[in-house]
């Protein structure tokens, strides 16, 4: 039978509506009656008992806000009657016990991946083309126009055909109302042609707007991120274009590659001010990239243990169900993969506000905990200095769907990290080098965070959403996980997995998590393409180390 309300933990004084609740309805929970003073929409929360002004509100077992006014029992909490509040944190005792899941039939499972010389394994095989500075973006666009479709990586464009149809109607004299009444004709997606290199998943172009005009620290950080993409197990090799005079010099990129022990991958480097004309630069770039693709095509998928998976844990467009269905399911997947010897990455530091103490205590040693505490404190301070703060993190969409304070949002978002110990804390754009759960300092911004996690080594990303977002990545599959069935049915073109059955009482978190891991294995093996890959959603935004929430 479907539950209509939920109190996440026994010490909470907020109750979540799982269904439409009517004004005056009497809710019975744990032998206690609460009469609703107003209608409560699904995903929103109401008070279990009377709260005085200044009293604390708890959800997920942590402090998530304080009452701005007296709030009677049975009232919906909103941005009007509740303000953000989070518990302070400090260096505490190590709490390393965790809910290690049963491995079951996953113990001996493998996936089909691309084995690299350094022992890492890719879930895909890409060649990347990247600029050291934004001045080279046009040259990347010219190369992309020349290579992608000709090599068989393009897609038929139904929208171009739609535009042609509108032009034809206009030229025949159709009026505005006729144009507005036109409909897109559904046609089957037809690949432009067969792939020339069957073992190469694509050539990806990582345009960005950095490399010069910023601080030297921005240039160093950018080169570290780009080095992470070159060193990534999903990348066979890279072509790097430079103008020549910018802050982000090739020598810095080489230093960052050495930090990541990446010395053996094929790397094409061309500098426009050295080469001369655009024609000479692009001709050389295309020739050498094509030669690199010929070598990359010699690599094939081979069996690999699940311990070679590096799973990024991300959320975006979250709703009031995300922390109840989708995020805890990812937490179970994270724990299961860690138990199998794998690696997971939890990022988005502004969305860990209020759960810092728990995560700090889960760090394997005091040094790691102190690094986490320092990064969180510095990030929060920089946000305040810029006239903002973590309390301003929830978006209008978050608030509309029940995430009214940053602490409520964060407490649910942190569920993606499961319960295992934190083996390492990384500052952007450091590379993962320890098995287990890693914390990576990134913004909460979906694309910046996903870009950073992949740059740190995630070869698959799990991305939960309650409102829907198309975010993807050029080189790592981004598997979209919906928190509710309504979203899955509304946006099937971007959603891969539905955790709505948890809300509906038809499935538990453990079974959902195992279903998700089966899907990850299929994607990592190349047996299934997730929607972000099918849609060629190649989002790539490096983080400038200013304030981004």
Protein backbone atom coordinates (compact mmCIF):
# COMPACT_ATOMS: atom_id res chain seq x y z
CA UNK A 1 0.00 0.00 0.00
CA UNK A 2 1.34 3.42 -0.94
CA UNK A 3 2.42 5.63 1.94
CA UNK A 4 1.01 9.16 1.87
CA UNK A 5 3.52 10.74 4.26
CA UNK A 6 7.03 10.02 5.50
CA UNK A 7 9.20 11.05 8.41
CA UNK A 8 12.72 10.28 7.22
CA UNK A 9 14.27 9.78 10.67
CA UNK A 10 12.66 9.40 14.08
CA UNK A 11 14.23 12.59 15.50
CA UNK A 12 12.83 14.76 12.67
CA UNK A 13 10.03 17.24 13.39
CA UNK A 14 9.14 17.68 9.71
CA UNK A 15 6.96 15.24 7.77
CA UNK A 16 7.10 14.89 3.97
CA UNK A 17 3.93 14.70 1.87
CA UNK A 18 4.18 11.85 -0.64
CA UNK A 19 0.70 12.54 -2.03
CA UNK A 20 -1.71 15.46 -2.32
CA UNK A 21 -2.97 16.18 1.20
CA UNK A 22 -6.13 18.24 1.79
CA UNK A 23 -6.69 21.05 4.24
CA UNK A 24 -8.37 19.70 7.37
CA UNK A 25 -7.20 16.15 6.72
CA UNK A 26 -6.10 14.26 9.82
CA UNK A 27 -2.74 12.57 9.34
CA UNK A 28 -1.95 9.68 11.65
CA UNK A 29 1.75 8.91 11.93
CA UNK A 30 3.36 6.68 14.56
CA UNK A 31 0.14 6.79 16.60
CA UNK A 32 0.14 10.59 16.60
CA UNK A 33 -2.54 12.72 14.92
CA UNK A 34 -1.81 15.95 13.04
CA UNK A 35 -4.62 18.03 11.53
CA UNK A 36 -3.48 19.87 8.41
CA UNK A 37 -4.13 23.60 8.50
CA UNK A 38 -3.63 23.91 4.74
CA UNK A 39 -3.32 21.74 1.64
CA UNK A 40 0.13 20.19 1.28
CA UNK A 41 1.44 19.36 -2.20
CA UNK A 42 3.61 16.28 -2.76
CA UNK A 43 7.32 16.84 -1.93
CA UNK A 44 6.58 19.60 0.60
CA UNK A 45 6.93 19.34 4.37
CA UNK A 46 4.66 20.15 7.28
CA UNK A 47 5.27 20.54 11.00
CA UNK A 48 4.58 17.62 13.31
CA UNK A 49 4.00 19.86 16.36
CA UNK A 50 3.78 23.53 17.29
CA UNK A 51 7.03 25.44 16.83
CA UNK A 52 7.88 28.76 18.48
CA UNK A 53 9.81 31.49 16.71
CA UNK A 54 13.51 30.57 16.69
CA UNK A 55 12.92 26.85 17.29
CA UNK A 56 14.99 24.44 15.23
CA UNK A 57 13.68 22.23 12.43
CA UNK A 58 15.18 18.81 11.76
CA UNK A 59 15.05 16.52 8.73
CA UNK A 60 17.29 13.57 7.79
CA UNK A 61 18.32 13.73 11.45
CA UNK A 62 20.14 17.09 11.06
CA UNK A 63 19.37 20.76 11.64
CA UNK A 64 17.85 22.23 8.45
CA UNK A 65 16.30 25.53 9.55
CA UNK A 66 14.80 27.76 12.22
CA UNK A 67 11.27 29.09 12.56
CA UNK A 68 10.94 32.75 11.56
CA UNK A 69 7.57 32.93 13.28
CA UNK A 70 5.41 30.70 15.47
CA UNK A 71 4.38 27.76 13.28
CA UNK A 72 1.35 25.70 14.37
CA UNK A 73 1.34 21.93 13.91
CA UNK A 74 0.07 20.85 10.50
CA UNK A 75 1.47 23.93 8.68
CA UNK A 76 3.52 23.75 5.49
CA UNK A 77 7.05 25.08 5.90
CA UNK A 78 7.99 27.74 3.37
CA UNK A 79 10.65 30.36 2.70
CA UNK A 80 8.33 32.79 4.52
CA UNK A 81 8.13 30.99 7.88
CA UNK A 82 11.51 29.18 7.90
CA UNK A 83 15.07 30.40 7.40
CA UNK A 84 18.19 28.36 6.66
CA UNK A 85 20.22 27.10 9.60
CA UNK A 86 23.01 24.53 9.77
CA UNK A 87 24.95 23.00 12.62
CA UNK A 88 28.58 24.12 13.15
CA UNK A 89 31.32 21.56 12.61
CA UNK A 90 34.77 20.84 13.97
CA UNK A 91 37.36 18.08 14.01
CA UNK A 92 35.71 15.16 15.79
CA UNK A 93 36.32 11.50 16.43
CA UNK A 94 36.62 9.01 13.58
CA UNK A 95 33.34 7.18 12.88
CA UNK A 96 34.26 4.60 10.28
CA UNK A 97 31.60 1.93 10.79
CA UNK A 98 29.34 1.64 7.77
CA UNK A 99 26.46 -0.34 6.32
CA UNK A 100 28.44 -2.60 4.02
CA UNK A 101 25.95 -4.19 1.58
CA UNK A 102 25.89 -7.80 0.49
CA UNK A 103 27.77 -8.15 -2.81
CA UNK A 104 25.61 -11.03 -4.04
CA UNK A 105 26.06 -11.85 -7.72
CA UNK A 106 28.04 -8.63 -8.31
CA UNK A 107 31.11 -10.15 -6.64
CA UNK A 108 32.39 -11.83 -9.79
CA UNK A 109 30.78 -9.60 -12.43
CA UNK A 110 32.88 -7.75 -15.01
CA UNK A 111 32.35 -5.07 -17.61
CA UNK A 112 33.88 -4.74 -21.09
CA UNK A 113 36.25 -1.79 -21.05
CA UNK A 114 39.30 -0.27 -22.71
CA UNK A 115 42.45 -1.13 -20.74
CA UNK A 116 45.07 1.63 -20.55
CA UNK A 117 48.81 1.28 -19.98
CA UNK A 118 48.62 2.73 -16.45
CA UNK A 119 46.13 0.06 -15.30
CA UNK A 120 42.98 2.19 -15.54
CA UNK A 121 40.04 1.04 -17.64
CA UNK A 122 37.83 3.21 -19.81
CA UNK A 123 34.11 2.77 -20.37
CA UNK A 124 34.53 4.45 -23.77
CA UNK A 125 37.28 5.26 -26.28
CA UNK A 126 37.39 8.90 -27.43
CA UNK A 127 39.87 11.19 -29.12
CA UNK A 128 39.59 14.74 -27.78
CA UNK A 129 40.49 18.09 -29.33
CA UNK A 130 40.93 20.94 -26.89
CA UNK A 131 42.13 24.57 -26.92
CA UNK A 132 44.50 26.02 -24.37
CA UNK A 133 42.74 29.36 -24.89
CA UNK A 134 39.34 30.53 -26.11
CA UNK A 135 41.00 32.20 -29.15
CA UNK A 136 41.24 28.70 -30.68
CA UNK A 137 37.52 27.87 -30.37
CA UNK A 138 36.79 28.80 -33.98
CA UNK A 139 39.55 26.49 -35.20
CA UNK A 140 38.00 23.69 -33.16
CA UNK A 141 34.64 24.44 -34.79
CA UNK A 142 36.22 24.23 -38.26
CA UNK A 143 37.82 20.88 -37.39
CA UNK A 144 34.54 19.60 -35.97
CA UNK A 145 32.68 20.55 -39.14
CA UNK A 146 35.31 18.74 -41.22
CA UNK A 147 35.61 15.55 -39.17
CA UNK A 148 32.53 14.55 -37.19
CA UNK A 149 30.05 13.80 -39.96
CA UNK A 150 32.69 12.46 -42.36
CA UNK A 151 33.91 9.97 -39.75
CA UNK A 152 30.38 8.73 -39.10
CA UNK A 153 29.73 10.39 -35.74
CA UNK A 154 27.05 12.83 -36.91
CA UNK A 155 23.27 12.55 -36.57
CA UNK A 156 20.41 13.34 -38.87
CA UNK A 157 18.99 16.74 -37.96
CA UNK A 158 15.19 16.74 -37.91
CA UNK A 159 15.16 20.40 -36.90
CA UNK A 160 17.01 21.45 -40.05
CA UNK A 161 14.37 19.62 -42.06
CA UNK A 162 11.70 21.39 -39.99
CA UNK A 163 13.28 24.79 -40.74
CA UNK A 164 13.41 23.93 -44.46
CA UNK A 165 9.71 23.05 -44.32
CA UNK A 166 8.89 26.42 -42.73
CA UNK A 167 10.94 28.25 -45.39
CA UNK A 168 9.05 26.39 -48.10
CA UNK A 169 5.70 27.34 -46.57
CA UNK A 170 6.75 30.98 -46.27
CA UNK A 171 7.88 31.09 -49.89
CA UNK A 172 4.51 29.63 -50.95
CA UNK A 173 2.72 32.45 -49.16
CA UNK A 174 1.62 30.83 -45.88
CA UNK A 175 0.58 33.26 -43.16
CA UNK A 176 1.89 33.50 -39.57
CA UNK A 177 -0.96 31.37 -38.21
CA UNK A 178 -0.10 28.65 -40.74
CA UNK A 179 3.56 28.71 -39.67
CA UNK A 180 2.62 28.53 -35.98
CA UNK A 181 0.35 25.59 -36.71
CA UNK A 182 3.15 23.58 -38.31
CA UNK A 183 4.30 20.41 -36.56
CA UNK A 184 7.63 18.65 -36.48
CA UNK A 185 7.48 15.47 -38.50
CA UNK A 186 8.59 12.43 -36.50
CA UNK A 187 11.31 10.59 -38.38
CA UNK A 188 13.59 7.79 -37.29
CA UNK A 189 17.08 8.91 -36.30
CA UNK A 190 19.38 7.89 -39.16
CA UNK A 191 23.15 7.90 -38.61
CA UNK A 192 24.92 10.04 -41.19
CA UNK A 193 27.05 7.08 -42.23
CA UNK A 194 28.88 4.06 -40.84
CA UNK A 195 31.74 4.81 -38.48
CA UNK A 196 35.12 4.79 -40.15
CA UNK A 197 36.78 3.76 -36.87
CA UNK A 198 34.49 1.20 -35.27
CA UNK A 199 36.43 1.00 -31.97
CA UNK A 200 36.50 4.77 -31.44
CA UNK A 201 33.36 6.19 -29.83
CA UNK A 202 33.86 9.68 -31.20
CA UNK A 203 35.98 12.78 -31.61
CA UNK A 204 35.00 15.35 -28.98
CA UNK A 205 35.77 19.09 -29.04
CA UNK A 206 36.11 20.73 -25.63
CA UNK A 207 35.49 24.43 -26.34
CA UNK A 208 35.75 26.77 -23.34
CA UNK A 209 36.08 30.50 -22.56
CA UNK A 210 39.25 30.45 -20.45
CA UNK A 211 43.04 30.41 -20.88
CA UNK A 212 43.81 34.14 -20.94
CA UNK A 213 42.57 37.35 -19.39
CA UNK A 214 42.03 35.66 -16.03
CA UNK A 215 44.35 35.06 -13.09
CA UNK A 216 47.43 32.86 -13.26
CA UNK A 217 45.65 30.56 -10.80
CA UNK A 218 42.79 30.20 -13.29
CA UNK A 219 45.29 29.22 -16.01
CA UNK A 220 46.93 26.64 -13.74
CA UNK A 221 43.55 25.22 -12.73
CA UNK A 222 42.42 25.05 -16.38
CA UNK A 223 45.58 23.19 -17.39
CA UNK A 224 45.04 20.77 -14.52
CA UNK A 225 41.48 20.09 -15.67
CA UNK A 226 42.52 19.63 -19.32
CA UNK A 227 45.34 17.32 -18.20
CA UNK A 228 42.74 15.30 -16.31
CA UNK A 229 40.74 14.86 -19.51
CA UNK A 230 43.81 13.83 -21.51
CA UNK A 231 44.83 11.36 -18.77
CA UNK A 232 41.27 10.05 -18.46
CA UNK A 233 40.79 6.30 -19.09
CA UNK A 234 37.97 7.06 -21.57
CA UNK A 235 40.43 9.01 -23.76
CA UNK A 236 42.81 7.36 -26.23
CA UNK A 237 44.65 10.55 -27.19
CA UNK A 238 44.32 14.28 -27.73
CA UNK A 239 44.96 17.17 -30.08
CA UNK A 240 45.83 20.44 -28.33
CA UNK A 241 45.61 23.81 -30.10
CA UNK A 242 47.35 26.88 -28.70
CA UNK A 243 47.54 30.47 -29.87
CA UNK A 244 50.93 31.01 -28.23
CA UNK A 245 50.78 34.14 -26.09
CA UNK A 246 48.11 33.14 -23.57
CA UNK A 247 48.43 32.50 -19.81
CA UNK A 248 47.65 28.79 -20.12
CA UNK A 249 50.93 27.70 -21.68
CA UNK A 250 51.68 24.21 -23.00
CA UNK A 251 54.49 23.91 -20.43
CA UNK A 252 51.90 24.19 -17.62
CA UNK A 253 49.78 21.49 -19.27
CA UNK A 254 52.85 19.23 -19.44
CA UNK A 255 53.53 19.80 -15.73
CA UNK A 256 49.95 18.84 -14.90
CA UNK A 257 50.19 15.71 -17.07
CA UNK A 258 53.31 14.65 -15.14
CA UNK A 259 51.40 15.08 -11.86
CA UNK A 260 48.89 12.57 -13.23
CA UNK A 261 51.66 10.26 -14.44
CA UNK A 262 50.37 10.62 -18.00
CA UNK A 263 53.41 10.30 -20.25
CA UNK A 264 52.47 7.58 -22.72
CA UNK A 265 49.30 8.80 -24.48
CA UNK A 266 49.54 10.11 -28.04
CA UNK A 267 49.36 13.90 -27.91
CA UNK A 268 49.30 16.28 -30.88
CA UNK A 269 50.29 19.87 -30.06
CA UNK A 270 50.06 22.76 -32.53
CA UNK A 271 50.57 26.48 -31.93
CA UNK A 272 48.94 28.93 -34.33
CA UNK A 273 51.52 31.72 -33.94
CA UNK A 274 54.21 29.17 -34.71
CA UNK A 275 52.44 27.44 -37.61
CA UNK A 276 51.40 30.61 -39.42
CA UNK A 277 48.20 30.53 -41.46
CA UNK A 278 44.92 29.08 -40.28
CA UNK A 279 44.96 26.73 -43.27
CA UNK A 280 48.34 25.29 -42.30
CA UNK A 281 47.31 24.90 -38.65
CA UNK A 282 44.03 23.14 -39.36
CA UNK A 283 45.45 20.96 -42.14
CA UNK A 284 48.18 19.71 -39.80
CA UNK A 285 45.67 19.23 -36.98
CA UNK A 286 43.31 17.18 -39.12
CA UNK A 287 46.10 15.00 -40.56
CA UNK A 288 47.65 14.25 -37.18
CA UNK A 289 44.28 13.70 -35.50
CA UNK A 290 43.33 11.23 -38.24
CA UNK A 291 46.62 9.37 -37.72
CA UNK A 292 45.90 9.25 -33.99
CA UNK A 293 42.45 7.82 -34.64
CA UNK A 294 44.00 5.04 -36.72
CA UNK A 295 46.05 4.02 -33.67
CA UNK A 296 43.15 4.44 -31.22
CA UNK A 297 41.03 2.14 -33.38
CA UNK A 298 43.38 -0.76 -32.62
CA UNK A 299 42.11 -0.86 -29.04
CA UNK A 300 39.16 -3.11 -28.22
CA UNK A 301 36.97 -3.80 -25.20
CA UNK A 302 38.19 -6.48 -22.80
CA UNK A 303 36.78 -7.82 -19.50
CA UNK A 304 37.54 -5.77 -16.39
CA UNK A 305 36.51 -6.15 -12.73
CA UNK A 306 33.96 -3.71 -11.29
CA UNK A 307 36.75 -2.35 -9.08
CA UNK A 308 37.94 -0.44 -12.17
CA UNK A 309 34.78 1.67 -12.23
CA UNK A 310 35.09 5.26 -10.98
CA UNK A 311 31.59 6.54 -10.37
CA UNK A 312 30.73 10.25 -10.19
CA UNK A 313 27.71 11.07 -8.01
CA UNK A 314 25.82 14.18 -9.15
CA UNK A 315 22.41 15.81 -8.79
CA UNK A 316 20.70 18.70 -10.53
CA UNK A 317 17.19 20.04 -10.83
CA UNK A 318 16.50 18.38 -7.48
CA UNK A 319 13.05 18.15 -5.89
CA UNK A 320 11.55 17.19 -2.56
CA UNK A 321 11.71 13.48 -3.46
CA UNK A 322 15.39 13.46 -4.53
CA UNK A 323 16.67 12.87 -1.00
CA UNK A 324 14.14 10.10 -0.40
CA UNK A 325 14.30 8.00 -3.58
CA UNK A 326 17.02 8.79 -6.14
CA UNK A 327 19.86 10.02 -3.89
CA UNK A 328 19.69 7.21 -1.30
CA UNK A 329 19.62 4.73 -4.20
CA UNK A 330 22.88 6.22 -5.46
CA UNK A 331 24.20 6.01 -1.92
CA UNK A 332 23.49 2.29 -1.93
CA UNK A 333 25.21 1.93 -5.32
CA UNK A 334 28.21 3.85 -3.95
CA UNK A 335 28.46 1.58 -0.91
CA UNK A 336 28.07 -1.52 -3.08
CA UNK A 337 30.76 -0.42 -5.52
CA UNK A 338 33.14 0.56 -2.70
CA UNK A 339 32.63 -2.88 -1.14
CA UNK A 340 33.69 -4.35 -4.50
CA UNK A 341 36.92 -2.33 -4.48
CA UNK A 342 35.66 0.46 -6.72
CA UNK A 343 35.84 4.24 -6.46
CA UNK A 344 33.14 6.89 -6.09
CA UNK A 345 33.25 10.70 -6.09
CA UNK A 346 30.87 13.01 -4.23
CA UNK A 347 31.27 16.70 -5.11
CA UNK A 348 29.16 19.91 -4.94
CA UNK A 349 30.52 21.35 -1.67
CA UNK A 350 27.82 24.07 -1.34
CA UNK A 351 25.34 21.17 -1.20
CA UNK A 352 27.06 19.54 1.77
CA UNK A 353 26.17 22.45 4.06
CA UNK A 354 24.80 21.12 7.34
CA UNK A 355 26.22 17.60 7.00
CA UNK A 356 29.88 18.62 7.29
CA UNK A 357 30.28 17.05 10.75
CA UNK A 358 29.08 13.63 9.57
CA UNK A 359 31.35 13.68 6.51
CA UNK A 360 34.31 15.02 8.48
CA UNK A 361 33.89 12.25 11.06
CA UNK A 362 33.75 9.66 8.26
CA UNK A 363 37.18 10.70 6.91
CA UNK A 364 39.68 7.86 7.42
CA UNK A 365 42.17 10.04 9.32
CA UNK A 366 42.44 13.48 10.89
CA UNK A 367 44.57 14.87 8.05
CA UNK A 368 41.84 14.09 5.53
CA UNK A 369 39.15 15.51 7.83
CA UNK A 370 41.11 18.73 8.34
CA UNK A 371 41.47 19.17 4.57
CA UNK A 372 37.72 18.77 4.14
CA UNK A 373 36.95 21.18 6.99
CA UNK A 374 39.40 23.74 5.57
CA UNK A 375 37.98 23.58 2.04
CA UNK A 376 34.39 23.87 3.27
CA UNK A 377 35.20 26.79 5.58
CA UNK A 378 37.12 28.66 2.87
CA UNK A 379 34.41 28.09 0.26
CA UNK A 380 31.64 29.28 2.60
CA UNK A 381 33.68 32.36 3.54
CA UNK A 382 34.35 33.25 -0.10
CA UNK A 383 30.62 33.05 -0.84
CA UNK A 384 29.83 35.42 2.02
CA UNK A 385 32.63 37.79 0.97
CA UNK A 386 31.08 37.98 -2.50
CA UNK A 387 27.76 39.03 -0.97
CA UNK A 388 26.15 35.61 -1.23
CA UNK A 389 26.23 32.49 0.92
CA UNK A 390 25.34 28.81 0.90
CA UNK A 391 21.88 29.80 2.16
CA UNK A 392 21.24 31.23 -1.33
CA UNK A 393 21.98 27.90 -3.02
CA UNK A 394 18.45 26.53 -3.62
CA UNK A 395 17.16 27.53 -7.05
CA UNK A 396 13.58 28.73 -7.72
CA UNK A 397 12.82 25.23 -9.05
CA UNK A 398 14.22 23.61 -5.90
CA UNK A 399 12.09 25.85 -3.67
CA UNK A 400 8.94 25.32 -5.72
CA UNK A 401 9.32 21.57 -5.26
CA UNK A 402 9.98 21.51 -1.53
CA UNK A 403 13.70 22.27 -1.00
CA UNK A 404 13.24 25.56 0.85
CA UNK A 405 16.61 25.81 2.66
CA UNK A 406 20.12 24.88 1.61
CA UNK A 407 20.39 22.53 4.58
CA UNK A 408 17.29 20.58 3.48
CA UNK A 409 18.71 20.38 -0.03
CA UNK A 410 22.17 19.44 1.24
CA UNK A 411 21.02 16.77 3.68
CA UNK A 412 19.20 15.03 0.83
CA UNK A 413 22.01 15.57 -1.67
CA UNK A 414 24.61 14.03 0.67
CA UNK A 415 22.67 10.76 0.63
CA UNK A 416 24.37 10.08 -2.73
CA UNK A 417 27.57 9.37 -0.80
CA UNK A 418 26.17 6.39 1.09
CA UNK A 419 27.71 5.40 4.42
CA UNK A 420 31.25 4.23 3.60
CA UNK A 421 34.37 5.95 5.01
CA UNK A 422 35.80 8.94 3.11
CA UNK A 423 39.18 7.75 1.85
CA UNK A 424 40.33 11.05 0.35
CA UNK A 425 39.40 14.72 -0.07
CA UNK A 426 40.37 16.42 -3.34
CA UNK A 427 40.63 20.06 -4.25
CA UNK A 428 39.57 20.86 -7.83
CA UNK A 429 40.99 19.68 -10.24
CA UNK A 430 43.00 16.98 -8.43
CA UNK A 431 42.95 13.42 -9.80
CA UNK A 432 41.48 10.51 -7.84
CA UNK A 433 44.19 8.09 -6.74
CA UNK A 434 42.57 6.26 -3.81
CA UNK A 435 39.87 3.61 -3.91
CA UNK A 436 36.68 4.17 -1.97
CA UNK A 437 34.56 7.30 -1.48
CA UNK A 438 36.30 10.57 -2.43
CA UNK A 439 35.04 14.10 -1.75
CA UNK A 440 35.86 16.62 -4.49
CA UNK A 441 35.54 20.37 -4.01
CA UNK A 442 33.37 21.72 -6.84
CA UNK A 443 30.45 24.15 -7.12
CA UNK A 444 26.87 22.92 -6.96
CA UNK A 445 26.42 24.07 -10.56
CA UNK A 446 25.54 20.88 -12.45
CA UNK A 447 27.83 21.26 -15.45
CA UNK A 448 30.81 22.73 -13.60
CA UNK A 449 30.59 19.92 -11.05
CA UNK A 450 30.18 17.14 -13.62
CA UNK A 451 33.03 18.61 -15.69
CA UNK A 452 35.23 18.55 -12.58
CA UNK A 453 34.34 14.99 -11.52
CA UNK A 454 35.14 13.62 -14.96
CA UNK A 455 38.38 15.60 -14.98
CA UNK A 456 39.24 13.90 -11.69
CA UNK A 457 38.73 10.47 -13.24
CA UNK A 458 35.03 9.48 -13.12
CA UNK A 459 34.48 7.07 -16.03
CA UNK A 460 30.70 6.92 -15.43
CA UNK A 461 28.47 9.58 -13.84
CA UNK A 462 25.17 8.93 -12.07
CA UNK A 463 23.04 12.08 -12.12
CA UNK A 464 19.80 12.35 -10.13
CA UNK A 465 17.08 14.87 -10.97
CA UNK A 466 13.54 15.57 -9.83
CA UNK A 467 12.71 18.41 -12.21
CA UNK A 468 14.64 17.25 -15.30
CA UNK A 469 17.91 18.45 -16.80
CA UNK A 470 19.70 17.39 -20.01
CA UNK A 471 23.26 17.68 -18.59
CA UNK A 472 25.88 15.41 -20.16
CA UNK A 473 29.63 15.24 -20.68
CA UNK A 474 31.84 14.87 -23.78
CA UNK A 475 33.73 11.73 -22.68
CA UNK A 476 31.87 10.05 -19.79
CA UNK A 477 28.34 8.65 -19.94
CA UNK A 478 26.00 10.61 -17.65
CA UNK A 479 23.19 8.30 -16.55
CA UNK A 480 20.10 10.31 -15.60
CA UNK A 481 18.12 9.00 -12.61
CA UNK A 482 14.63 10.39 -11.94
CA UNK A 483 13.33 10.79 -8.39
CA UNK A 484 9.70 10.39 -9.47
CA UNK A 485 7.64 8.57 -12.07
CA UNK A 486 5.88 11.71 -13.31
CA UNK A 487 9.18 13.15 -14.54
CA UNK A 488 10.16 9.86 -16.20
CA UNK A 489 6.91 9.85 -18.15
CA UNK A 490 7.11 13.55 -19.00
CA UNK A 491 10.76 13.63 -20.19
CA UNK A 492 11.58 10.11 -21.42
CA UNK A 493 14.11 11.54 -23.89
CA UNK A 494 16.55 12.43 -21.08
CA UNK A 495 15.73 10.00 -18.24
CA UNK A 496 17.41 6.57 -18.09
CA UNK A 497 16.28 5.17 -14.74
CA UNK A 498 13.18 5.80 -12.62
CA UNK A 499 13.32 5.55 -8.81
CA UNK A 500 9.70 6.68 -8.48
CA UNK A 501 8.59 3.16 -7.45
CA UNK A 502 10.27 3.84 -4.08
CA UNK A 503 7.88 6.76 -3.47
CA UNK A 504 4.98 4.62 -4.65
CA UNK A 505 5.87 1.83 -2.22
CA UNK A 506 6.58 -0.68 -5.00
CA UNK A 507 10.35 -1.03 -4.59
CA UNK A 508 12.96 -0.52 -1.86
CA UNK A 509 16.25 1.36 -2.03
CA UNK A 510 18.40 -1.78 -2.07
CA UNK A 511 16.58 -3.38 -5.03
CA UNK A 512 16.64 -0.06 -6.90
CA UNK A 513 20.37 0.31 -6.25
CA UNK A 514 21.09 -3.15 -7.63
CA UNK A 515 18.98 -2.38 -10.68
CA UNK A 516 21.02 0.80 -11.21
CA UNK A 517 24.35 -1.05 -10.92
CA UNK A 518 23.20 -3.56 -13.55
CA UNK A 519 22.45 -0.62 -15.84
CA UNK A 520 25.86 0.95 -15.13
CA UNK A 521 27.58 -2.31 -16.14
CA UNK A 522 25.66 -2.38 -19.42
CA UNK A 523 26.57 1.24 -20.18
CA UNK A 524 30.20 0.76 -19.16
CA UNK A 525 30.40 -2.24 -21.50
CA UNK A 526 29.00 -0.34 -24.47
CA UNK A 527 25.88 -2.52 -24.60
CA UNK A 528 23.57 0.43 -23.88
CA UNK A 529 23.91 4.12 -24.67
CA UNK A 530 22.44 6.40 -22.02
CA UNK A 531 20.23 9.26 -23.19
CA UNK A 532 22.88 11.97 -22.72
CA UNK A 533 25.19 10.08 -25.09
CA UNK A 534 22.43 9.46 -27.62
CA UNK A 535 21.53 13.16 -27.52
CA UNK A 536 25.21 14.16 -27.85
CA UNK A 537 24.84 16.34 -24.75
CA UNK A 538 28.51 17.32 -24.51
CA UNK A 539 28.49 19.90 -21.71
CA UNK A 540 31.91 21.17 -20.64
CA UNK A 541 32.38 24.20 -18.35
CA UNK A 542 35.65 24.63 -16.42
CA UNK A 543 35.27 26.25 -12.99
CA UNK A 544 36.80 29.68 -12.44
CA UNK A 545 37.70 29.65 -8.77
CA UNK A 546 35.35 32.49 -7.94
CA UNK A 547 32.03 31.97 -6.20
CA UNK A 548 29.73 29.59 -8.02
CA UNK A 549 26.99 27.92 -6.02
